[in-house]
Amino acid sequence: MNSDAQTQSKPLPFYYLLLLILAGEAVFILPFVLARVFRPTVLEAFQLTNLELGLCYSVYGLVALPAYLLGGPLADRFPPRKLIAVALWATALGGLVYASYPSLLTLKILYGYWGLTTIFLFWAAMIKATRVWGGAKSQGKAFGFLDGGRGLVGAGFGLLGVLIFSLFAAGDLENISIEERKEAFKYVIWVSSSIVILIGILVWFFLKSDRNEKNLLIERISKKDINALLRIPSVWLLMVIILCAYVGYKFTDIFSQYANEIMGYNEVDSAKVGTFLLSIRPITGVLIGFIADRSRVTLWLVISFALSIVGALLFALGWVTPSGTAMFFLSVLITASGIYAARALYFATMKEGRIPLVLTGTAVGLISLVGYTPDIFAGAVMGYLLDQTPGLGGHQNVFWTLSCFSVVGGIASFIFWRWSRKGQKM
């Protein structure tokens, strides 16, 4: 089937993409966004070390790995509405366990459960639906809007979480007890879970499939289809590119902790830094989406990795100190802009990479099998580096690691861009 078949029929409405944006971030609020914004609070409330929290992420990644592979063909066989809605509801149910402050073992099991709900049912379906919406000429805009919009939703959840935490944290935020912190954070979890359920209801009733989508569903994925995908060089390049970009995304969890431990901010102010970080994402996604559609997506992918290298080195070299507030926020801005731009663009390269639209779900599953392995090791590596060298030294080691992955991702992106620029068949 022609990979651009969707251009022959009526474009999908904009609210379709809006629902994907809402769902695309809501499903990850409980497993990741709350811990990113409230990392110091999560560590204290659950009585975790950095390594133990990282191991929870590793369990998530171990479950997610086969879920990517199995969920890809699922997205090529069934429309996204039911898959995405059920994934949201199942993820929100995990919030009941999360709010009970379970033991470390139960928390690991919960993260494994979330690895199944957020990936097997959800991930490939969201990517394929976004690619369909983008058509032949707006892939950069589609994925830029998706990731930028998800960033805006994440920032909204972050701001709401900070507000709820502040309302229910009785007394001076500097001196409240651990029990008071836990009680306040419990309300954050409950409200977040309720909103995720509500978004699932909206998706179920309004993310309606039309003839475009139905024409892109196939009954069975054959071994021949998989072999054909594996012969496309861009599939292998995207595995490396996404792996490196995703390490960067996972390492953004460190910024609120850096603000708390190195810059000396209190827990609410450090959470505000996490929210500031999330606010960078929508601006970056929308801008890079419009720009990329007017040139080559792969070129802007190279530039994105270059920015993340520069930002990571500013931290790694020790140039961001407690007395340099402006330098801290500038460095966060540069690093996050590069990371979020790369994240917004890597799936937008699938058309340049000659990956058939009808097999998008299966291709996403294969690429994600390697590309999202940082779910297994990134959190544990970051936790180990921070625990082994407490203070500034541990944070610098994390940013040295980030800079190395960014270099590798930049090289892979450069190769992709050169091949695309020369018009080589991929």
Protein backbone atom coordinates (compact mmCIF):
# COMPACT_ATOMS: atom_id res chain seq x y z
CA MET A 1 0.00 0.00 0.00
CA ASN A 2 1.20 3.52 -0.77
CA SER A 3 2.80 4.99 2.34
CA ASP A 4 1.18 8.33 1.60
CA ALA A 5 -2.28 6.94 1.07
CA GLN A 6 -3.67 9.16 3.77
CA THR A 7 -3.17 12.22 1.58
CA GLN A 8 -5.83 10.93 -0.82
CA SER A 9 -8.66 11.35 1.68
CA LYS A 10 -9.98 14.07 3.95
CA PRO A 11 -7.48 15.20 6.59
CA LEU A 12 -8.25 14.34 10.18
CA PRO A 13 -9.58 17.22 12.32
CA PHE A 14 -7.30 19.14 14.67
CA TYR A 15 -9.16 17.99 17.80
CA TYR A 16 -7.98 14.47 16.92
CA LEU A 17 -4.38 15.63 17.48
CA LEU A 18 -5.42 17.51 20.64
CA LEU A 19 -6.78 14.29 22.12
CA LEU A 20 -3.54 12.50 21.22
CA ILE A 21 -1.59 15.27 22.95
CA LEU A 22 -3.67 15.01 26.12
CA ALA A 23 -3.48 11.23 26.19
CA GLY A 24 0.18 11.16 25.18
CA GLU A 25 1.31 12.93 28.34
CA ALA A 26 -1.43 11.91 30.76
CA VAL A 27 -0.49 8.25 30.51
CA PHE A 28 3.03 9.03 31.81
CA ILE A 29 2.06 11.45 34.61
CA LEU A 30 1.98 8.86 37.38
CA PRO A 31 5.06 6.80 36.44
CA PHE A 32 7.35 9.66 35.47
CA VAL A 33 6.16 13.29 35.52
CA LEU A 34 5.32 13.46 39.23
CA ALA A 35 8.69 11.94 40.14
CA ARG A 36 10.40 14.42 37.80
CA VAL A 37 8.71 17.46 39.32
CA PHE A 38 8.71 16.21 42.93
CA ARG A 39 11.85 14.06 42.92
CA PRO A 40 13.15 15.12 46.38
CA THR A 41 9.66 14.61 47.85
CA VAL A 42 9.28 11.19 46.20
CA LEU A 43 12.65 10.01 47.50
CA GLU A 44 11.78 11.09 51.04
CA ALA A 45 8.13 10.01 51.09
CA PHE A 46 8.83 6.51 49.74
CA GLN A 47 12.13 6.29 51.67
CA LEU A 48 14.12 5.57 48.54
CA THR A 49 17.72 6.12 47.52
CA ASN A 50 18.45 7.42 44.06
CA LEU A 51 19.51 3.92 43.02
CA GLU A 52 16.30 2.32 44.34
CA LEU A 53 14.15 4.77 42.38
CA GLY A 54 16.32 4.04 39.36
CA LEU A 55 15.71 0.31 39.82
CA CYS A 56 11.95 0.92 39.75
CA TYR A 57 12.47 2.55 36.36
CA SER A 58 14.56 -0.45 35.34
CA VAL A 59 11.69 -2.83 36.13
CA TYR A 60 9.44 -0.61 34.03
CA GLY A 61 11.95 -0.84 31.20
CA LEU A 62 12.28 -4.62 31.42
CA VAL A 63 8.53 -5.02 31.03
CA ALA A 64 8.32 -2.28 28.38
CA LEU A 65 10.97 -3.89 26.18
CA PRO A 66 8.87 -6.88 24.99
CA ALA A 67 5.76 -4.68 25.21
CA TYR A 68 7.17 -2.37 22.51
CA LEU A 69 7.73 -5.33 20.20
CA LEU A 70 4.33 -6.92 20.82
CA GLY A 71 2.40 -3.67 20.91
CA GLY A 72 3.65 -2.54 17.49
CA PRO A 73 1.72 -5.14 15.43
CA LEU A 74 -1.26 -4.58 17.73
CA ALA A 75 -1.38 -0.94 16.59
CA ASP A 76 -1.39 -2.06 12.95
CA ARG A 77 -4.38 -4.33 13.55
CA PHE A 78 -6.69 -2.24 15.77
CA PRO A 79 -7.75 1.43 15.76
CA PRO A 80 -6.19 3.62 18.45
CA ARG A 81 -9.35 4.72 20.28
CA LYS A 82 -9.88 1.57 22.32
CA LEU A 83 -6.19 0.84 22.85
CA ILE A 84 -5.40 4.34 24.15
CA ALA A 85 -8.50 4.67 26.36
CA VAL A 86 -7.99 1.32 28.06
CA ALA A 87 -4.30 2.14 28.58
CA LEU A 88 -5.23 5.41 30.33
CA TRP A 89 -7.76 3.77 32.62
CA ALA A 90 -5.45 0.91 33.53
CA THR A 91 -2.60 3.32 34.27
CA ALA A 92 -4.81 5.48 36.49
CA LEU A 93 -5.79 2.43 38.56
CA GLY A 94 -2.14 2.08 39.48
CA GLY A 95 -2.43 5.46 41.19
CA LEU A 96 -4.45 3.81 43.97
CA VAL A 97 -1.46 1.65 44.83
CA TYR A 98 0.98 4.54 44.38
CA ALA A 99 -0.96 6.74 46.82
CA SER A 100 -0.72 4.06 49.53
CA TYR A 101 3.09 4.48 49.70
CA PRO A 102 3.82 0.78 49.17
CA SER A 103 7.03 -1.09 49.98
CA LEU A 104 9.94 -1.05 47.56
CA LEU A 105 8.98 -4.51 46.24
CA THR A 106 5.39 -3.45 45.58
CA LEU A 107 6.60 -0.23 44.00
CA LYS A 108 8.77 -2.24 41.59
CA ILE A 109 5.78 -4.44 40.70
CA LEU A 110 3.70 -1.30 40.14
CA TYR A 111 6.30 0.11 37.76
CA GLY A 112 6.31 -3.20 35.90
CA TYR A 113 2.53 -2.97 35.60
CA TRP A 114 2.85 0.58 34.29
CA GLY A 115 5.40 -0.64 31.76
CA LEU A 116 2.66 -2.88 30.35
CA THR A 117 -0.20 -0.36 30.42
CA THR A 118 1.71 2.57 28.95
CA ILE A 119 3.59 0.68 26.22
CA PHE A 120 1.83 -2.49 25.06
CA LEU A 121 -1.56 -0.85 24.54
CA PHE A 122 -0.57 2.74 24.02
CA TRP A 123 2.76 3.72 22.51
CA ALA A 124 2.73 2.47 18.91
CA ALA A 125 -0.96 3.36 18.54
CA MET A 126 -0.21 6.97 19.46
CA ILE A 127 2.76 7.24 17.06
CA LYS A 128 0.87 5.74 14.14
CA ALA A 129 -2.18 7.94 14.72
CA THR A 130 0.08 11.01 14.79
CA ARG A 131 1.81 10.04 11.56
CA VAL A 132 -1.57 9.58 9.87
CA TRP A 133 -2.66 13.05 11.04
CA GLY A 134 0.54 14.62 9.67
CA GLY A 135 0.06 13.33 6.13
CA ALA A 136 2.76 13.76 3.49
CA LYS A 137 3.78 17.35 4.20
CA SER A 138 3.34 17.99 7.92
CA GLN A 139 5.26 15.26 9.73
CA GLY A 140 7.44 17.79 11.56
CA LYS A 141 4.41 19.79 12.61
CA ALA A 142 2.48 16.68 13.67
CA PHE A 143 5.23 15.29 15.90
CA GLY A 144 6.37 18.74 17.01
CA PHE A 145 2.83 19.59 18.09
CA LEU A 146 2.50 16.18 19.73
CA ASP A 147 5.64 16.44 21.83
CA GLY A 148 5.30 20.18 22.42
CA GLY A 149 1.68 19.77 23.38
CA ARG A 150 2.58 16.89 25.66
CA GLY A 151 5.12 19.17 27.28
CA LEU A 152 2.42 21.79 27.84
CA VAL A 153 0.14 19.18 29.39
CA GLY A 154 3.03 17.96 31.55
CA ALA A 155 3.78 21.51 32.67
CA GLY A 156 0.09 21.95 33.48
CA PHE A 157 0.12 18.80 35.59
CA GLY A 158 3.31 20.03 37.24
CA LEU A 159 1.83 23.43 38.10
CA LEU A 160 -1.36 21.81 39.34
CA GLY A 161 0.67 19.38 41.43
CA VAL A 162 2.72 22.17 43.01
CA LEU A 163 -0.48 24.10 43.78
CA ILE A 164 -2.18 21.08 45.37
CA PHE A 165 0.95 20.21 47.34
CA SER A 166 1.21 23.79 48.62
CA LEU A 167 -2.48 23.86 49.61
CA PHE A 168 -2.38 20.62 51.56
CA ALA A 169 1.11 21.01 53.09
CA ALA A 170 0.22 22.62 56.40
CA GLY A 171 2.53 25.25 57.82
CA ASP A 172 5.99 26.37 56.76
CA LEU A 173 7.13 24.35 53.76
CA GLU A 174 10.68 24.41 55.09
CA ASN A 175 9.73 22.72 58.36
CA ILE A 176 6.74 20.44 57.75
CA SER A 177 7.06 16.82 58.84
CA ILE A 178 7.50 13.86 56.53
CA GLU A 179 3.95 12.71 57.33
CA GLU A 180 2.56 16.09 56.28
CA ARG A 181 4.56 15.90 53.05
CA LYS A 182 3.22 12.43 52.34
CA GLU A 183 -0.34 13.53 52.97
CA ALA A 184 0.01 16.50 50.62
CA PHE A 185 1.62 14.41 47.89
CA LYS A 186 -1.16 11.81 48.21
CA TYR A 187 -3.66 14.45 47.09
CA VAL A 188 -1.42 15.21 44.10
CA ILE A 189 -1.56 11.53 43.11
CA TRP A 190 -5.35 11.28 43.53
CA VAL A 191 -6.11 14.37 41.46
CA SER A 192 -3.68 13.26 38.73
CA SER A 193 -5.28 9.80 38.56
CA SER A 194 -8.75 11.30 38.27
CA ILE A 195 -7.73 13.53 35.37
CA VAL A 196 -6.12 10.57 33.56
CA ILE A 197 -9.42 8.66 33.85
CA LEU A 198 -11.33 11.66 32.48
CA ILE A 199 -9.01 11.94 29.47
CA GLY A 200 -9.55 8.23 28.81
CA ILE A 201 -13.30 8.86 28.65
CA LEU A 202 -12.80 11.72 26.17
CA VAL A 203 -10.61 9.51 23.99
CA TRP A 204 -13.12 6.67 24.05
CA PHE A 205 -15.99 8.85 22.83
CA PHE A 206 -14.27 11.39 20.59
CA LEU A 207 -11.10 9.85 19.06
CA LYS A 208 -13.24 8.31 16.36
CA SER A 209 -11.69 6.31 13.56
CA ASP A 210 -12.50 7.33 10.00
CA ARG A 211 -11.87 5.76 6.63
CA ASN A 212 -8.24 6.96 6.61
CA GLU A 213 -7.42 4.96 9.67
CA LYS A 214 -9.44 1.89 8.69
CA ASN A 215 -7.61 1.72 5.38
CA LEU A 216 -4.32 1.56 7.27
CA LEU A 217 -5.18 -1.47 9.39
CA ILE A 218 -4.02 -4.91 8.34
CA GLU A 219 -5.20 -8.31 9.45
CA ARG A 220 -1.84 -9.94 10.04
CA ILE A 221 1.82 -8.92 10.24
CA SER A 222 3.94 -11.44 8.35
CA LYS A 223 7.58 -12.38 8.73
CA LYS A 224 8.09 -10.93 5.26
CA ASP A 225 6.86 -7.52 6.49
CA ILE A 226 9.28 -7.58 9.41
CA ASN A 227 12.21 -8.62 7.20
CA ALA A 228 11.37 -5.81 4.76
CA LEU A 229 11.52 -3.28 7.59
CA LEU A 230 14.83 -4.62 8.87
CA ARG A 231 16.36 -4.09 5.42
CA ILE A 232 15.68 -0.34 5.65
CA PRO A 233 18.84 1.45 6.98
CA SER A 234 16.81 4.23 8.59
CA VAL A 235 15.24 1.71 10.96
CA TRP A 236 18.68 0.88 12.39
CA LEU A 237 19.77 4.52 12.51
CA LEU A 238 16.61 5.46 14.37
CA MET A 239 17.34 2.78 16.95
CA VAL A 240 20.62 4.54 17.81
CA ILE A 241 19.20 8.06 17.53
CA ILE A 242 16.24 7.36 19.80
CA LEU A 243 18.37 5.48 22.32
CA CYS A 244 20.70 8.48 22.71
CA ALA A 245 17.91 11.06 22.73
CA TYR A 246 15.93 9.05 25.26
CA VAL A 247 18.89 8.85 27.63
CA GLY A 248 18.85 12.65 27.54
CA TYR A 249 15.14 12.73 28.25
CA LYS A 250 15.48 10.33 31.19
CA PHE A 251 18.34 12.40 32.59
CA THR A 252 16.17 15.54 32.70
CA ASP A 253 14.89 14.09 35.99
CA ILE A 254 18.08 15.43 37.55
CA PHE A 255 17.33 19.14 37.17
CA SER A 256 14.94 19.53 40.11
CA GLN A 257 17.32 17.49 42.27
CA TYR A 258 20.27 19.67 41.13
CA ALA A 259 18.26 22.73 42.15
CA ASN A 260 17.62 21.20 45.57
CA GLU A 261 21.03 19.71 46.36
CA ILE A 262 23.45 22.03 44.55
CA MET A 263 21.61 25.34 44.14
CA GLY A 264 20.08 25.13 47.63
CA TYR A 265 16.40 25.51 46.65
CA ASN A 266 13.65 24.17 48.94
CA GLU A 267 11.35 21.38 47.78
CA VAL A 268 8.63 23.62 46.34
CA ASP A 269 11.14 25.87 44.55
CA SER A 270 12.97 22.84 43.15
CA ALA A 271 9.60 21.48 41.96
CA LYS A 272 9.06 24.83 40.23
CA VAL A 273 12.36 24.26 38.40
CA GLY A 274 10.97 20.92 37.24
CA THR A 275 7.85 22.70 36.03
CA PHE A 276 9.97 25.35 34.27
CA LEU A 277 11.74 22.48 32.54
CA LEU A 278 8.42 21.07 31.37
CA SER A 279 7.36 24.50 30.07
CA ILE A 280 10.36 24.55 27.71
CA ARG A 281 9.07 21.44 25.97
CA PRO A 282 5.91 22.85 24.31
CA ILE A 283 7.71 25.93 22.99
CA THR A 284 10.53 23.80 21.59
CA GLY A 285 8.20 21.21 20.06
CA VAL A 286 5.97 23.69 18.23
CA LEU A 287 8.85 25.84 16.94
CA ILE A 288 10.99 22.93 15.79
CA GLY A 289 7.97 21.30 14.13
CA PHE A 290 7.24 24.34 11.95
CA ILE A 291 10.92 24.90 11.12
CA ALA A 292 11.65 21.25 10.28
CA ASP A 293 8.79 21.02 7.77
CA ARG A 294 10.37 23.89 5.83
CA SER A 295 13.74 22.15 5.41
CA ARG A 296 14.87 18.67 6.43
CA VAL A 297 13.83 17.06 9.68
CA THR A 298 17.14 15.19 9.88
CA LEU A 299 19.17 18.43 9.73
CA TRP A 300 17.34 19.84 12.75
CA LEU A 301 17.86 16.54 14.53
CA VAL A 302 21.63 17.10 14.18
CA ILE A 303 21.27 20.65 15.55
CA SER A 304 19.20 19.35 18.47
CA PHE A 305 21.95 16.96 19.57
CA ALA A 306 24.51 19.76 19.23
CA LEU A 307 22.51 21.88 21.68
CA SER A 308 22.26 19.05 24.21
CA ILE A 309 26.03 18.52 24.01
CA VAL A 310 26.70 22.21 24.76
CA GLY A 311 24.23 22.29 27.65
CA ALA A 312 25.48 19.05 29.20
CA LEU A 313 29.09 20.28 29.08
CA LEU A 314 28.17 23.50 30.92
CA PHE A 315 27.05 21.35 33.86
CA ALA A 316 29.76 18.69 33.49
CA LEU A 317 32.58 21.23 33.54
CA GLY A 318 31.33 22.71 36.82
CA TRP A 319 30.39 26.09 35.39
CA VAL A 320 26.93 26.03 37.03
CA THR A 321 27.41 26.99 40.69
CA PRO A 322 25.04 27.98 43.55
CA SER A 323 25.93 31.65 43.05
CA GLY A 324 25.10 31.59 39.34
CA THR A 325 21.32 31.54 39.15
CA ALA A 326 21.22 33.03 35.65
CA MET A 327 23.82 30.52 34.44
CA PHE A 328 21.79 27.68 35.96
CA PHE A 329 18.58 28.60 34.13
CA LEU A 330 20.44 29.33 30.87
CA SER A 331 22.13 25.93 31.02
CA VAL A 332 18.82 24.20 31.77
CA LEU A 333 17.26 26.05 28.82
CA ILE A 334 20.00 25.02 26.36
CA THR A 335 20.14 21.39 27.48
CA ALA A 336 16.40 20.92 27.65
CA SER A 337 15.81 22.62 24.29
CA GLY A 338 18.21 20.22 22.58
CA ILE A 339 16.76 17.16 24.30
CA TYR A 340 13.15 18.09 23.68
CA ALA A 341 13.78 19.07 20.06
CA ALA A 342 15.39 15.69 19.35
CA ARG A 343 12.52 13.93 21.08
CA ALA A 344 9.97 15.87 19.01
CA LEU A 345 11.67 15.06 15.71
CA TYR A 346 12.97 11.52 15.72
CA PHE A 347 9.73 9.81 14.69
CA ALA A 348 9.03 12.64 12.21
CA THR A 349 11.95 11.27 10.15
CA MET A 350 10.09 8.07 9.28
CA LYS A 351 8.84 9.46 5.97
CA GLU A 352 12.37 10.60 4.98
CA GLY A 353 13.52 7.15 6.00
CA ARG A 354 11.11 5.47 3.54
CA ILE A 355 9.28 3.50 6.22
CA PRO A 356 5.84 2.37 4.89
CA LEU A 357 2.94 4.04 6.67
CA VAL A 358 0.87 0.86 6.86
CA LEU A 359 3.68 -0.79 8.87
CA THR A 360 4.32 2.20 11.15
CA GLY A 361 3.20 0.38 14.30
CA THR A 362 5.42 -2.62 13.60
CA ALA A 363 8.36 -0.34 12.72
CA VAL A 364 7.86 1.62 15.94
CA GLY A 365 7.89 -1.64 17.88
CA LEU A 366 11.15 -2.79 16.29
CA ILE A 367 12.85 0.60 16.67
CA SER A 368 11.64 0.99 20.24
CA LEU A 369 12.99 -2.44 21.18
CA VAL A 370 16.46 -0.85 21.09
CA GLY A 371 15.65 2.86 21.25
CA TYR A 372 13.87 2.74 24.59
CA THR A 373 16.27 0.43 26.43
CA PRO A 374 17.24 3.47 28.57
CA ASP A 375 14.02 2.67 30.45
CA ILE A 376 16.03 -0.27 31.83
CA PHE A 377 19.38 1.31 32.61
CA ALA A 378 19.18 5.13 32.59
CA GLY A 379 17.50 5.57 35.96
CA ALA A 380 19.76 3.04 37.64
CA VAL A 381 22.90 4.59 36.10
CA MET A 382 21.90 8.07 37.19
CA GLY A 383 21.04 6.85 40.69
CA TYR A 384 24.34 4.97 40.97
CA LEU A 385 26.38 7.98 39.85
CA LEU A 386 24.60 10.28 42.32
CA ASP A 387 24.87 7.86 45.25
CA GLN A 388 28.52 6.93 44.64
CA THR A 389 29.70 10.54 44.53
CA PRO A 390 27.30 12.66 46.62
CA GLY A 391 27.11 16.35 45.86
CA LEU A 392 28.36 18.25 42.85
CA GLY A 393 30.72 15.49 41.67
CA GLY A 394 27.90 12.98 41.18
CA HIS A 395 25.84 15.49 39.23
CA GLN A 396 28.81 16.29 37.01
CA ASN A 397 29.27 12.58 36.27
CA VAL A 398 25.63 12.36 35.16
CA PHE A 399 26.13 15.27 32.75
CA TRP A 400 29.39 13.78 31.39
CA THR A 401 27.40 10.63 30.61
CA LEU A 402 24.70 12.71 28.94
CA SER A 403 27.25 14.51 26.76
CA CYS A 404 28.72 11.19 25.56
CA PHE A 405 25.33 9.83 24.50
CA SER A 406 24.53 13.12 22.79
CA VAL A 407 27.71 12.88 20.72
CA VAL A 408 26.81 9.37 19.54
CA GLY A 409 23.26 10.47 18.72
CA GLY A 410 24.58 13.48 16.84
CA ILE A 411 26.84 11.30 14.70
CA ALA A 412 23.97 8.92 13.82
CA SER A 413 21.75 11.90 12.95
CA PHE A 414 24.50 13.38 10.77
CA ILE A 415 24.77 10.11 8.82
CA PHE A 416 20.98 10.05 8.37
CA TRP A 417 21.00 13.68 7.17
CA ARG A 418 23.86 13.11 4.70
CA TRP A 419 22.15 10.11 3.13
CA SER A 420 18.87 11.97 2.89
CA ARG A 421 20.57 15.07 1.45
CA LYS A 422 22.35 13.06 -1.25
CA GLY A 423 19.06 11.44 -2.21
CA GLN A 424 20.33 7.94 -1.54
CA LYS A 425 17.69 5.26 -1.43
CA MET A 426 17.18 4.13 2.14
